[in-house]
Amino acid sequence: MPRDTVGMALSGTYRRLRELAEAFEAVAENHGDPVRADIADGEITVRTVFPTVTRGRLIAEIAVRIRNQDPAAFTSVACRVDHPGLGVCRTADVLVMKREAHERGVHDDFAAFAPDISVAFEVVSPPGASDDHVTKLRDYPRMGIPVYVIVDPRDGTITVHSGLDTSAGEPRYADAPRRYKFGDTVQVGRWTLETDTFPRYRS
């Protein structure tokens, strides 16, 4: 979506849903219950945040390792990403974009603009999350994010989804998922990710 049409796309229902999602997150946080409120199909979905030490360490390490190997890359953690034209907003654990895309600015303070994103990472929380394996796997290609990586500390695996394809009508990742184990060197778009020190959840 051209940036000059973003403001038009924010009118009406989606604008109101964004306001409600942001307000709900703020109220929950004030009560000591951090949550993330995502938007899709005209609805707000709320999920609990699991800020474990292991998960936090993985998120930080992913962001730092990508940034350190590529000065042209910008990484952001626990950041919303949305596509106003589709009325979809998700919260990603790590987003990677070109620094020039970041420096020209997100379309507002609410979220990063999905077509600017190069890679989205999700670190599966201890109880597991169908959002990561189902909902976001559906919505990230719809939003135009070319690479989606699921890091699962429960079993020490990493799955890379890529190959945006729209030929079937509904955008999807057409390439066969590439699967790795903690300790492997993972190819993520034009970057590599060393995972030798990635921790797993304790049983």
Protein backbone atom coordinates (compact mmCIF):
# COMPACT_ATOMS: atom_id res chain seq x y z
CA MET A 1 0.00 0.00 0.00
CA PRO A 2 1.46 3.40 -0.89
CA ARG A 3 2.21 5.44 2.21
CA ASP A 4 0.04 8.33 1.09
CA THR A 5 -3.04 6.09 1.28
CA VAL A 6 -2.37 4.77 4.78
CA GLY A 7 -4.24 7.60 6.47
CA MET A 8 -7.35 6.84 4.43
CA ALA A 9 -7.13 3.16 5.36
CA LEU A 10 -7.10 4.05 9.07
CA SER A 11 -10.60 5.46 9.01
CA GLY A 12 -13.65 3.75 10.45
CA THR A 13 -13.73 0.37 12.15
CA TYR A 14 -10.04 -0.41 12.05
CA ARG A 15 -9.08 2.91 13.62
CA ARG A 16 -11.52 2.26 16.47
CA LEU A 17 -10.25 -1.29 16.96
CA ARG A 18 -6.68 0.00 17.22
CA GLU A 19 -7.73 2.51 19.87
CA LEU A 20 -9.55 -0.17 21.85
CA ALA A 21 -6.65 -2.63 21.59
CA GLU A 22 -4.17 -0.04 22.83
CA ALA A 23 -6.46 0.99 25.70
CA PHE A 24 -7.06 -2.61 26.75
CA GLU A 25 -3.32 -3.34 26.85
CA ALA A 26 -2.73 -0.24 28.98
CA VAL A 27 -5.45 -1.15 31.51
CA ALA A 28 -4.21 -4.75 31.78
CA GLU A 29 -0.63 -3.62 32.29
CA ASN A 30 -1.71 -1.22 35.05
CA HIS A 31 -3.20 -4.23 36.82
CA GLY A 32 0.02 -6.20 36.45
CA ASP A 33 -1.33 -8.47 33.72
CA PRO A 34 0.66 -7.86 30.50
CA VAL A 35 -1.28 -8.87 27.40
CA ARG A 36 -1.10 -8.39 23.66
CA ALA A 37 -4.19 -7.40 21.72
CA ASP A 38 -4.12 -8.35 18.05
CA ILE A 39 -6.61 -7.40 15.35
CA ALA A 40 -7.94 -9.42 12.42
CA ASP A 41 -11.27 -9.95 10.69
CA GLY A 42 -12.83 -7.03 12.54
CA GLU A 43 -12.10 -8.55 15.97
CA ILE A 44 -9.64 -8.03 18.81
CA THR A 45 -7.94 -11.14 20.19
CA VAL A 46 -6.19 -10.90 23.55
CA ARG A 47 -3.44 -13.23 24.70
CA THR A 48 -1.31 -13.36 27.82
CA VAL A 49 2.38 -12.47 27.66
CA PHE A 50 4.80 -14.97 29.23
CA PRO A 51 7.91 -12.93 30.15
CA THR A 52 10.17 -15.82 31.16
CA VAL A 53 13.94 -15.37 31.48
CA THR A 54 14.64 -17.91 28.72
CA ARG A 55 12.18 -16.38 26.31
CA GLY A 56 13.45 -12.87 26.99
CA ARG A 57 17.04 -13.98 26.46
CA LEU A 58 16.20 -15.58 23.11
CA ILE A 59 14.36 -12.50 21.88
CA ALA A 60 17.27 -10.26 22.86
CA GLU A 61 19.90 -12.55 21.32
CA ILE A 62 18.06 -12.80 18.00
CA ALA A 63 17.76 -9.03 17.72
CA VAL A 64 21.39 -8.37 18.66
CA ARG A 65 22.85 -11.06 16.40
CA ILE A 66 21.00 -9.81 13.34
CA ARG A 67 21.90 -6.21 14.06
CA ASN A 68 25.56 -6.93 14.78
CA GLN A 69 26.16 -8.68 11.46
CA ASP A 70 24.42 -6.07 9.34
CA PRO A 71 24.59 -2.32 10.05
CA ALA A 72 21.93 -1.80 7.36
CA ALA A 73 19.42 -3.82 9.39
CA PHE A 74 17.16 -2.45 12.12
CA THR A 75 15.63 -4.77 14.71
CA SER A 76 12.73 -4.13 17.06
CA VAL A 77 11.43 -6.36 19.86
CA ALA A 78 7.85 -6.84 21.08
CA CYS A 79 6.63 -4.52 18.36
CA ARG A 80 3.26 -4.33 16.68
CA VAL A 81 3.14 -4.76 12.92
CA ASP A 82 0.06 -3.96 10.92
CA HIS A 83 -1.37 -3.58 7.45
CA PRO A 84 -4.17 -0.99 7.61
CA GLY A 85 -5.43 -1.90 4.15
CA LEU A 86 -6.17 -5.42 5.41
CA GLY A 87 -7.25 -4.38 8.89
CA VAL A 88 -4.72 -6.77 10.46
CA CYS A 89 -2.40 -6.11 13.40
CA ARG A 90 -0.11 -8.61 15.13
CA THR A 91 2.59 -8.30 17.79
CA ALA A 92 5.90 -9.91 16.84
CA ASP A 93 8.71 -10.88 19.21
CA VAL A 94 11.36 -9.55 16.80
CA LEU A 95 10.96 -7.58 13.58
CA VAL A 96 13.78 -6.96 11.11
CA MET A 97 13.66 -4.24 8.49
CA LYS A 98 16.11 -2.24 6.44
CA ARG A 99 17.43 0.71 8.41
CA GLU A 100 16.37 3.09 5.64
CA ALA A 101 12.78 1.85 6.03
CA HIS A 102 12.91 2.51 9.77
CA GLU A 103 14.50 5.92 9.38
CA ARG A 104 11.83 7.18 7.04
CA GLY A 105 9.48 6.32 9.88
CA VAL A 106 6.63 3.96 10.61
CA HIS A 107 3.28 5.33 9.53
CA ASP A 108 2.44 6.19 13.14
CA ASP A 109 3.47 5.35 16.71
CA PHE A 110 1.14 2.37 16.92
CA ALA A 111 2.84 -0.17 14.67
CA ALA A 112 5.46 -0.86 12.02
CA PHE A 113 4.15 -0.96 8.46
CA ALA A 114 4.05 -4.62 7.39
CA PRO A 115 5.39 -4.15 3.81
CA ASP A 116 8.55 -2.59 5.32
CA ILE A 117 9.37 -5.75 7.28
CA SER A 118 11.98 -8.23 6.03
CA VAL A 119 11.63 -10.93 8.72
CA ALA A 120 9.30 -11.60 11.64
CA PHE A 121 10.41 -13.87 14.51
CA GLU A 122 8.18 -15.51 17.08
CA VAL A 123 9.54 -17.31 20.17
CA VAL A 124 7.00 -19.87 21.34
CA SER A 125 5.95 -19.33 24.96
CA PRO A 126 6.20 -22.17 27.53
CA PRO A 127 2.59 -23.41 27.23
CA GLY A 128 2.84 -23.31 23.44
CA ALA A 129 0.98 -20.95 21.16
CA SER A 130 -1.35 -21.79 18.31
CA ASP A 131 -1.02 -18.12 17.32
CA ASP A 132 2.55 -18.74 16.19
CA HIS A 133 1.90 -21.93 14.23
CA VAL A 134 -1.55 -21.16 12.84
CA THR A 135 -2.80 -17.57 13.08
CA LYS A 136 0.45 -15.74 12.36
CA LEU A 137 1.46 -18.32 9.77
CA ARG A 138 -1.73 -17.34 7.97
CA ASP A 139 -1.57 -13.58 8.50
CA TYR A 140 2.11 -12.76 7.97
CA PRO A 141 2.08 -13.77 4.29
CA ARG A 142 -1.23 -11.93 3.86
CA MET A 143 0.54 -8.83 5.23
CA GLY A 144 3.42 -9.25 2.79
CA ILE A 145 6.15 -10.26 5.26
CA PRO A 146 8.54 -12.38 3.16
CA VAL A 147 10.16 -14.50 5.88
CA TYR A 148 8.64 -15.82 9.11
CA VAL A 149 10.72 -17.70 11.71
CA ILE A 150 9.31 -19.72 14.61
CA VAL A 151 11.78 -20.42 17.43
CA ASP A 152 10.53 -23.12 19.81
CA PRO A 153 12.50 -23.48 23.07
CA ARG A 154 10.27 -26.38 24.15
CA ASP A 155 11.98 -28.80 21.76
CA GLY A 156 14.92 -26.69 20.58
CA THR A 157 13.73 -26.27 16.98
CA ILE A 158 13.61 -23.40 14.49
CA THR A 159 11.32 -23.33 11.47
CA VAL A 160 11.78 -20.85 8.62
CA HIS A 161 8.83 -20.09 6.35
CA SER A 162 9.44 -18.20 3.09
CA GLY A 163 8.52 -17.93 -0.56
CA LEU A 164 5.55 -15.58 -0.69
CA ASP A 165 3.06 -16.82 -3.26
CA THR A 166 -0.28 -15.34 -4.31
CA SER A 167 -1.10 -17.62 -7.24
CA ALA A 168 -3.77 -19.48 -5.28
CA GLY A 169 -5.57 -16.25 -4.40
CA GLU A 170 -4.75 -16.26 -0.68
CA PRO A 171 -1.09 -15.33 -0.01
CA ARG A 172 0.94 -18.08 1.64
CA TYR A 173 4.50 -19.29 2.16
CA ALA A 174 5.02 -21.70 -0.73
CA ASP A 175 8.54 -22.93 0.02
CA ALA A 176 8.87 -26.11 2.04
CA PRO A 177 9.55 -25.03 5.65
CA ARG A 178 13.24 -25.28 6.53
CA ARG A 179 13.73 -26.91 9.91
CA TYR A 180 16.75 -26.54 12.19
CA LYS A 181 17.81 -27.49 15.69
CA PHE A 182 19.38 -25.26 18.31
CA GLY A 183 23.09 -25.28 17.55
CA ASP A 184 22.64 -25.02 13.77
CA THR A 185 23.52 -22.04 11.62
CA VAL A 186 20.16 -20.81 10.36
CA GLN A 187 19.70 -19.01 7.05
CA VAL A 188 17.13 -16.24 7.50
CA GLY A 189 16.63 -14.24 4.34
CA ARG A 190 19.99 -12.59 3.62
CA TRP A 191 21.18 -13.06 7.19
CA THR A 192 22.54 -16.02 9.14
CA LEU A 193 21.69 -16.76 12.74
CA GLU A 194 24.07 -18.68 14.97
CA THR A 195 22.06 -20.60 17.56
CA ASP A 196 24.79 -22.46 19.49
CA THR A 197 23.97 -20.69 22.77
CA PHE A 198 20.19 -20.68 22.42
CA PRO A 199 18.66 -21.99 25.68
CA ARG A 200 15.70 -24.35 25.96
CA TYR A 201 12.94 -24.22 28.53
CA ARG A 202 13.59 -26.26 31.63
CA SER A 203 11.31 -29.24 32.15
